Amino acid sequence: MSIVPVIMMVVSLQVWLPLGCLEEERIALLKLKESLNYPNGTSLHSWRKGDARCCDWDRVVCSNSTELISLDLWKNQIAGWVENKGVYQPFKMSKLEYLDLGYNRLDDSILSYVDGLSSLKTLAISYNRLEGLIDLKEWSSNLETLDLRGNNITKVVASGGVKMSMLEKLYLGSNRLDNSILSYVDGLSSLKTLDISYNRLEELIDLKECSRNLETLDLSGNNITKVVASGGPTNLNTLYLNNITSYGRSFQMLEAFPNLTTLRLRDNDLRGRILGDELRNLSSLEELTLNGCSLDQNSLQSLGALPSLKNLYLRALSGVVPFQDFVNLKNLELLDLSYNTLKAATSSKPSE
């Protein structure tokens, strides 16, 4: 028998045979399953003791060198992390880059176990039972995405002055944070996306300390009255100001964000204001969302002054709309008028 076919056969078998993850990591995963199923749970069926091919298990992703790099435990009803036996084992996974623990019942005790994951790039502990002050001083400096939405967090700090310089996306929506959160995000020089929606921010919000690289900002559902950016994120292109009924000041100050292309103002009260006049200086604005807003007959006048507008969302509205102004939106590609009881206003001025 020629040696060439033998070599080819060996190579093909090496390619075909499924690889197991490192034994230490396989044991750690089994210990994790045991702790999650204690005393009589039935989750993670594919994680079997006699199966060495743990890279093929559900919710597990390995690298080409069979090291565990991703673990997805989203919505597993995990609780009592410290109390369950064998719980320290999962965090021997030194190459883990992605960990999703969202939609469980974890409390603050999980935080000490996350500290040692030095390779972690994405961490989600959203919609759990974290509360009070969260200190990120020991967390991986390699983190690029951190999702802590839907908890009961009141303050975020990094004692010792240590901050995550690689962090690009930070999601803190639906907590109990106040304006002091802005002092924490000061110094996150790589930050591009910040979600602090539905918290307890109030009155004036000054973004002067935010990263100049910030591109997406969500301030929805807070009790703010004004947003300013004195020397702040000039690269901001997407802004969410949904459900801010206290916003009594003009949106004209948004001209401080000359690169703004997407603006969402859903579920706001726009009665008594002429939105087109307030936004006319946003020359780069391409998408405007006004779904669910309260309008009067003047609210949408002068929208034709937005020269770059391509997508206009006017869902679930009632009232009078000056459709004749829309003729001036020369670049408009999408107009969403679904679920409305709108009436056309009589023309107050000729179309240009």
Protein backbone atom coordinates (compact mmCIF):
# COMPACT_ATOMS: atom_id res chain seq x y z
CA MET A 1 0.00 0.00 0.00
CA SER A 2 1.42 3.36 -1.00
CA ILE A 3 2.37 5.68 1.85
CA VAL A 4 0.60 8.64 0.20
CA PRO A 5 -2.96 7.26 0.64
CA VAL A 6 -2.09 6.36 4.24
CA ILE A 7 -0.97 9.92 4.95
CA MET A 8 -4.09 11.28 3.27
CA MET A 9 -6.25 8.92 5.33
CA VAL A 10 -4.64 10.05 8.59
CA VAL A 11 -5.02 13.71 7.68
CA SER A 12 -8.66 13.23 6.67
CA LEU A 13 -9.40 11.45 9.94
CA GLN A 14 -7.80 14.31 11.89
CA VAL A 15 -9.97 16.79 10.03
CA TRP A 16 -13.15 14.72 10.40
CA LEU A 17 -12.86 13.64 14.01
CA PRO A 18 -14.56 16.15 16.34
CA LEU A 19 -12.19 17.65 18.84
CA GLY A 20 -12.82 17.91 22.54
CA CYS A 21 -12.04 21.00 24.54
CA LEU A 22 -9.30 20.95 27.15
CA GLU A 23 -9.96 18.39 29.88
CA GLU A 24 -9.82 21.02 32.60
CA GLU A 25 -12.47 23.03 30.78
CA ARG A 26 -14.64 19.96 30.13
CA ILE A 27 -14.61 19.14 33.84
CA ALA A 28 -15.41 22.76 34.62
CA LEU A 29 -18.43 22.66 32.30
CA LEU A 30 -19.70 19.45 33.89
CA LYS A 31 -19.28 20.98 37.35
CA LEU A 32 -21.23 23.98 36.12
CA LYS A 33 -24.02 21.76 34.83
CA GLU A 34 -24.10 19.95 38.16
CA SER A 35 -24.42 23.20 40.07
CA LEU A 36 -27.15 24.51 37.76
CA ASN A 37 -29.17 21.31 37.99
CA TYR A 38 -28.81 20.92 41.75
CA PRO A 39 -30.79 19.25 43.24
CA ASN A 40 -32.92 17.89 40.39
CA GLY A 41 -32.81 20.18 37.35
CA THR A 42 -32.64 18.99 33.76
CA SER A 43 -30.90 21.78 31.82
CA LEU A 44 -28.01 21.42 29.34
CA HIS A 45 -28.91 17.95 28.05
CA SER A 46 -26.04 17.78 25.55
CA TRP A 47 -23.40 18.17 28.27
CA ARG A 48 -22.69 14.49 29.00
CA LYS A 49 -19.96 13.05 31.22
CA GLY A 50 -18.98 10.34 28.74
CA ASP A 51 -18.66 12.75 25.82
CA ALA A 52 -15.20 14.24 25.30
CA ARG A 53 -16.42 16.39 22.39
CA CYS A 54 -17.43 19.32 24.56
CA CYS A 55 -16.78 21.78 21.74
CA ASP A 56 -19.90 20.32 20.11
CA TRP A 57 -22.07 20.89 23.18
CA ASP A 58 -24.93 23.39 23.07
CA ARG A 59 -24.05 26.94 24.12
CA VAL A 60 -20.29 26.24 23.84
CA VAL A 61 -17.86 27.59 21.24
CA CYS A 62 -14.17 26.66 21.04
CA SER A 63 -11.23 28.09 19.16
CA ASN A 64 -9.33 26.15 16.49
CA SER A 65 -7.00 24.99 19.24
CA THR A 66 -10.04 23.58 21.14
CA GLU A 67 -9.85 26.15 23.93
CA LEU A 68 -13.22 27.32 25.24
CA ILE A 69 -13.79 30.91 24.08
CA SER A 70 -17.58 31.38 24.29
CA LEU A 71 -20.19 30.30 26.83
CA ASP A 72 -23.85 31.24 26.45
CA LEU A 73 -25.96 30.59 29.57
CA TRP A 74 -28.68 33.08 28.67
CA LYS A 75 -32.07 32.41 30.29
CA ASN A 76 -31.14 29.33 32.32
CA GLN A 77 -32.80 30.35 35.60
CA ILE A 78 -29.42 30.31 37.34
CA ALA A 79 -29.57 31.42 40.97
CA GLY A 80 -27.57 31.02 44.16
CA TRP A 81 -24.26 31.06 42.29
CA VAL A 82 -22.02 30.92 45.37
CA GLU A 83 -24.08 28.40 47.29
CA ASN A 84 -24.12 25.69 44.62
CA LYS A 85 -21.25 23.24 44.81
CA GLY A 86 -18.46 23.26 42.25
CA VAL A 87 -19.23 26.80 41.30
CA TYR A 88 -15.63 27.97 41.19
CA GLN A 89 -14.81 25.59 38.37
CA PRO A 90 -16.25 27.45 35.37
CA PHE A 91 -13.91 30.34 35.93
CA LYS A 92 -10.76 28.32 35.31
CA MET A 93 -11.47 29.00 31.65
CA SER A 94 -8.52 31.28 31.02
CA LYS A 95 -9.22 31.86 27.31
CA LEU A 96 -12.93 32.64 27.64
CA GLU A 97 -13.76 35.70 25.52
CA TYR A 98 -17.58 35.70 25.53
CA LEU A 99 -19.85 35.03 28.52
CA ASP A 100 -23.61 35.61 28.47
CA LEU A 101 -25.41 35.18 31.80
CA GLY A 102 -28.41 37.30 30.85
CA TYR A 103 -31.96 36.65 32.03
CA ASN A 104 -31.11 34.56 35.08
CA ARG A 105 -31.50 35.25 38.79
CA LEU A 106 -27.92 36.05 39.70
CA ASP A 107 -27.10 38.46 42.51
CA ASP A 108 -23.94 40.44 43.30
CA SER A 109 -22.07 37.29 44.34
CA ILE A 110 -21.40 36.54 40.67
CA LEU A 111 -19.18 39.61 40.36
CA SER A 112 -16.23 38.18 42.33
CA TYR A 113 -16.10 35.18 40.01
CA VAL A 114 -16.03 37.32 36.90
CA ASP A 115 -12.96 39.17 38.15
CA GLY A 116 -10.50 36.45 37.12
CA LEU A 117 -11.58 36.19 33.49
CA SER A 118 -8.65 38.11 32.06
CA SER A 119 -9.35 37.27 28.40
CA LEU A 120 -13.01 38.27 28.47
CA LYS A 121 -14.08 40.65 25.69
CA THR A 122 -17.89 40.44 25.96
CA LEU A 123 -19.79 40.07 29.23
CA ALA A 124 -23.58 40.15 29.62
CA ILE A 125 -25.24 39.96 33.05
CA SER A 126 -28.39 41.71 31.91
CA TYR A 127 -31.77 41.24 33.58
CA ASN A 128 -30.53 39.61 36.76
CA ARG A 129 -30.58 40.73 40.41
CA LEU A 130 -27.51 42.93 40.70
CA GLU A 131 -28.13 45.90 42.95
CA GLY A 132 -26.55 48.91 44.58
CA LEU A 133 -22.97 49.91 43.84
CA ILE A 134 -21.00 47.93 41.23
CA ASP A 135 -17.20 48.23 41.39
CA LEU A 136 -15.48 47.24 38.14
CA LYS A 137 -11.91 47.64 39.40
CA GLU A 138 -10.89 43.99 38.88
CA TRP A 139 -12.77 43.30 35.67
CA SER A 140 -10.93 42.39 32.49
CA SER A 141 -9.12 45.31 30.91
CA ASN A 142 -9.79 43.59 27.57
CA LEU A 143 -13.56 44.04 27.82
CA GLU A 144 -15.03 45.55 24.66
CA THR A 145 -18.75 45.02 25.39
CA LEU A 146 -20.43 45.12 28.82
CA ASP A 147 -24.18 44.62 29.23
CA LEU A 148 -25.69 45.23 32.70
CA ARG A 149 -29.19 46.26 31.63
CA GLY A 150 -32.28 45.41 33.64
CA ASN A 151 -30.81 45.20 37.13
CA ASN A 152 -31.17 47.41 40.21
CA ILE A 153 -27.81 49.17 40.01
CA THR A 154 -27.56 52.63 41.59
CA LYS A 155 -23.90 53.47 40.98
CA VAL A 156 -20.97 52.26 38.86
CA VAL A 157 -17.39 52.97 39.96
CA ALA A 158 -13.87 51.76 39.26
CA SER A 159 -12.02 52.21 42.56
CA GLY A 160 -8.31 52.81 42.26
CA GLY A 161 -8.82 54.84 39.12
CA VAL A 162 -8.66 51.78 36.88
CA LYS A 163 -10.93 51.96 33.84
CA MET A 164 -11.58 49.69 30.90
CA SER A 165 -9.72 51.48 28.14
CA MET A 166 -10.79 48.97 25.47
CA LEU A 167 -14.52 49.22 26.21
CA GLU A 168 -16.53 50.18 23.11
CA LYS A 169 -20.12 49.28 24.07
CA LEU A 170 -21.67 49.88 27.50
CA TYR A 171 -25.32 49.01 28.16
CA LEU A 172 -26.72 50.24 31.49
CA GLY A 173 -30.37 50.77 30.59
CA SER A 174 -33.23 50.04 33.02
CA ASN A 175 -31.36 50.48 36.30
CA ARG A 176 -31.53 53.23 38.98
CA LEU A 177 -28.53 55.31 37.97
CA ASP A 178 -28.45 59.08 38.43
CA ASN A 179 -26.37 61.82 36.80
CA SER A 180 -23.22 60.59 38.56
CA ILE A 181 -22.89 57.86 35.93
CA LEU A 182 -21.55 60.53 33.59
CA SER A 183 -18.44 60.88 35.77
CA TYR A 184 -17.75 57.17 35.35
CA VAL A 185 -17.96 57.20 31.56
CA ASP A 186 -15.48 60.08 31.60
CA GLY A 187 -12.21 58.48 30.58
CA LEU A 188 -13.66 55.55 28.63
CA SER A 189 -11.74 56.78 25.63
CA SER A 190 -12.74 53.94 23.27
CA LEU A 191 -16.47 54.10 24.03
CA LYS A 192 -18.64 54.17 20.89
CA THR A 193 -22.06 53.04 22.20
CA LEU A 194 -23.61 54.13 25.52
CA ASP A 195 -27.08 53.11 26.72
CA ILE A 196 -28.24 54.78 29.95
CA SER A 197 -31.93 54.76 29.06
CA TYR A 198 -34.70 54.38 31.64
CA ASN A 199 -32.68 55.37 34.66
CA ARG A 200 -32.97 58.37 36.99
CA LEU A 201 -31.03 61.03 35.14
CA GLU A 202 -32.52 64.49 35.63
CA GLU A 203 -32.55 67.99 34.17
CA LEU A 204 -29.46 69.11 32.23
CA ILE A 205 -27.17 66.46 30.77
CA ASP A 206 -23.73 67.72 29.75
CA LEU A 207 -21.81 65.27 27.58
CA LYS A 208 -18.57 67.24 27.69
CA GLU A 209 -16.74 64.40 29.46
CA CYS A 210 -17.94 61.65 27.14
CA SER A 211 -15.59 60.02 24.67
CA ARG A 212 -15.09 61.97 21.46
CA ASN A 213 -15.43 58.60 19.73
CA LEU A 214 -19.01 58.14 20.98
CA GLU A 215 -21.29 57.32 18.04
CA THR A 216 -24.54 56.02 19.60
CA LEU A 217 -26.22 57.40 22.74
CA ASP A 218 -29.52 56.33 24.31
CA LEU A 219 -31.00 58.70 26.94
CA SER A 220 -34.60 57.54 26.56
CA GLY A 221 -36.98 57.35 29.50
CA ASN A 222 -35.16 59.78 31.80
CA ASN A 223 -36.38 63.01 33.38
CA ILE A 224 -34.02 65.27 31.46
CA THR A 225 -34.81 68.74 30.18
CA LYS A 226 -31.77 69.56 28.07
CA VAL A 227 -28.73 67.91 26.48
CA VAL A 228 -25.57 69.90 25.77
CA ALA A 229 -22.13 68.89 24.59
CA SER A 230 -19.52 71.51 25.32
CA GLY A 231 -16.54 69.95 23.57
CA GLY A 232 -17.97 66.43 23.82
CA PRO A 233 -18.69 63.67 21.31
CA THR A 234 -18.59 65.42 17.94
CA ASN A 235 -18.77 62.06 16.13
CA LEU A 236 -22.21 61.21 17.54
CA ASN A 237 -24.41 59.92 14.71
CA THR A 238 -27.28 58.14 16.50
CA LEU A 239 -29.31 59.61 19.37
CA TYR A 240 -32.32 58.14 21.20
CA LEU A 241 -34.54 60.55 23.16
CA ASN A 242 -37.67 58.40 23.35
CA ASN A 243 -40.27 58.93 26.06
CA ILE A 244 -38.84 62.11 27.56
CA THR A 245 -42.02 64.06 28.21
CA SER A 246 -40.19 66.49 30.50
CA TYR A 247 -38.08 67.72 27.59
CA GLY A 248 -39.43 71.25 27.47
CA ARG A 249 -36.49 72.97 25.83
CA SER A 250 -35.95 73.27 22.11
CA PHE A 251 -34.24 70.49 20.19
CA GLN A 252 -32.23 73.20 18.44
CA MET A 253 -29.28 72.48 20.74
CA LEU A 254 -28.83 69.20 18.85
CA GLU A 255 -26.95 71.22 16.24
CA ALA A 256 -23.98 70.60 18.55
CA PHE A 257 -23.92 67.14 16.93
CA PRO A 258 -23.25 68.02 13.28
CA ASN A 259 -22.78 64.37 12.26
CA LEU A 260 -26.15 63.19 13.61
CA THR A 261 -27.78 60.90 11.04
CA THR A 262 -30.38 59.05 13.16
CA LEU A 263 -32.72 60.64 15.71
CA ARG A 264 -35.47 58.80 17.55
CA LEU A 265 -38.06 60.82 19.47
CA ARG A 266 -40.74 58.17 20.03
CA ASP A 267 -43.55 58.66 22.56
CA ASN A 268 -42.90 62.34 23.21
CA ASP A 269 -45.31 65.25 23.49
CA LEU A 270 -44.60 67.55 20.54
CA ARG A 271 -47.67 69.74 20.91
CA GLY A 272 -46.94 73.44 20.87
CA ARG A 273 -43.65 73.16 18.98
CA ILE A 274 -42.60 73.17 15.33
CA LEU A 275 -40.17 70.30 15.07
CA GLY A 276 -38.96 71.10 11.58
CA ASP A 277 -37.73 74.52 12.68
CA GLU A 278 -35.95 73.05 15.70
CA LEU A 279 -34.14 70.42 13.64
CA ARG A 280 -33.45 72.41 10.48
CA ASN A 281 -29.71 72.70 11.25
CA LEU A 282 -29.25 68.91 11.31
CA SER A 283 -28.12 68.88 7.71
CA SER A 284 -26.89 65.26 7.86
CA LEU A 285 -30.06 63.78 9.42
CA GLU A 286 -31.20 60.76 7.38
CA GLU A 287 -33.61 58.97 9.74
CA LEU A 288 -36.25 60.48 12.03
CA THR A 289 -38.61 58.41 14.20
CA LEU A 290 -41.70 60.02 15.77
CA ASN A 291 -43.81 56.93 16.46
CA GLY A 292 -46.41 57.37 19.18
CA CYS A 293 -45.87 61.11 19.65
CA SER A 294 -48.59 63.59 20.60
CA LEU A 295 -49.02 66.18 17.84
CA ASP A 296 -50.94 69.30 17.05
CA GLN A 297 -51.50 70.83 13.62
CA ASN A 298 -48.16 72.67 13.70
CA SER A 299 -45.87 69.97 15.11
CA LEU A 300 -44.66 68.58 11.79
CA GLN A 301 -44.53 71.81 9.83
CA SER A 302 -41.24 72.60 8.09
CA LEU A 303 -40.01 69.00 8.02
CA GLY A 304 -39.27 69.73 4.39
CA ALA A 305 -36.33 71.79 5.64
CA LEU A 306 -34.41 68.59 6.45
CA PRO A 307 -32.44 68.16 3.22
CA SER A 308 -30.89 64.71 3.82
CA LEU A 309 -33.90 62.91 5.31
CA LYS A 310 -34.35 59.42 3.80
CA ASN A 311 -36.46 57.52 6.35
CA LEU A 312 -39.39 59.05 8.25
CA TYR A 313 -41.34 56.93 10.75
CA LEU A 314 -44.76 58.27 11.81
CA ARG A 315 -46.42 55.16 13.26
CA ALA A 316 -49.31 55.12 15.72
CA LEU A 317 -50.10 58.83 15.50
CA SER A 318 -53.28 60.83 15.57
CA GLY A 319 -53.91 64.44 14.67
CA VAL A 320 -53.28 66.68 11.70
CA VAL A 321 -50.24 66.36 9.45
CA PRO A 322 -49.11 68.86 6.78
CA PHE A 323 -48.43 66.27 4.09
CA GLN A 324 -47.79 69.04 1.58
CA ASP A 325 -44.50 69.76 3.38
CA PHE A 326 -43.28 66.24 2.61
CA VAL A 327 -43.06 67.14 -1.08
CA ASN A 328 -39.89 69.05 -0.24
CA LEU A 329 -38.17 65.93 1.12
CA LYS A 330 -36.37 65.24 -2.15
CA ASN A 331 -34.28 62.36 -0.77
CA LEU A 332 -37.09 60.58 1.08
CA GLU A 333 -37.02 56.82 0.42
CA LEU A 334 -39.27 55.46 3.19
CA LEU A 335 -42.37 56.99 4.80
CA ASP A 336 -44.07 54.82 7.44
CA LEU A 337 -47.65 55.93 8.20
CA SER A 338 -48.94 52.62 9.57
CA TYR A 339 -51.41 52.31 12.47
CA ASN A 340 -52.45 55.95 12.21
CA THR A 341 -55.63 58.01 12.35
CA LEU A 342 -54.03 61.07 10.78
CA LYS A 343 -55.75 63.82 8.85
CA ALA A 344 -54.18 66.02 6.20
CA ALA A 345 -53.81 69.66 7.12
CA THR A 346 -54.86 72.35 4.71
CA SER A 347 -51.90 73.94 2.99
CA SER A 348 -50.59 76.94 4.84
CA LYS A 349 -48.01 77.79 2.21
CA PRO A 350 -47.26 76.68 -1.32
CA SER A 351 -44.82 73.86 -1.91
CA GLU A 352 -41.45 74.85 -3.30
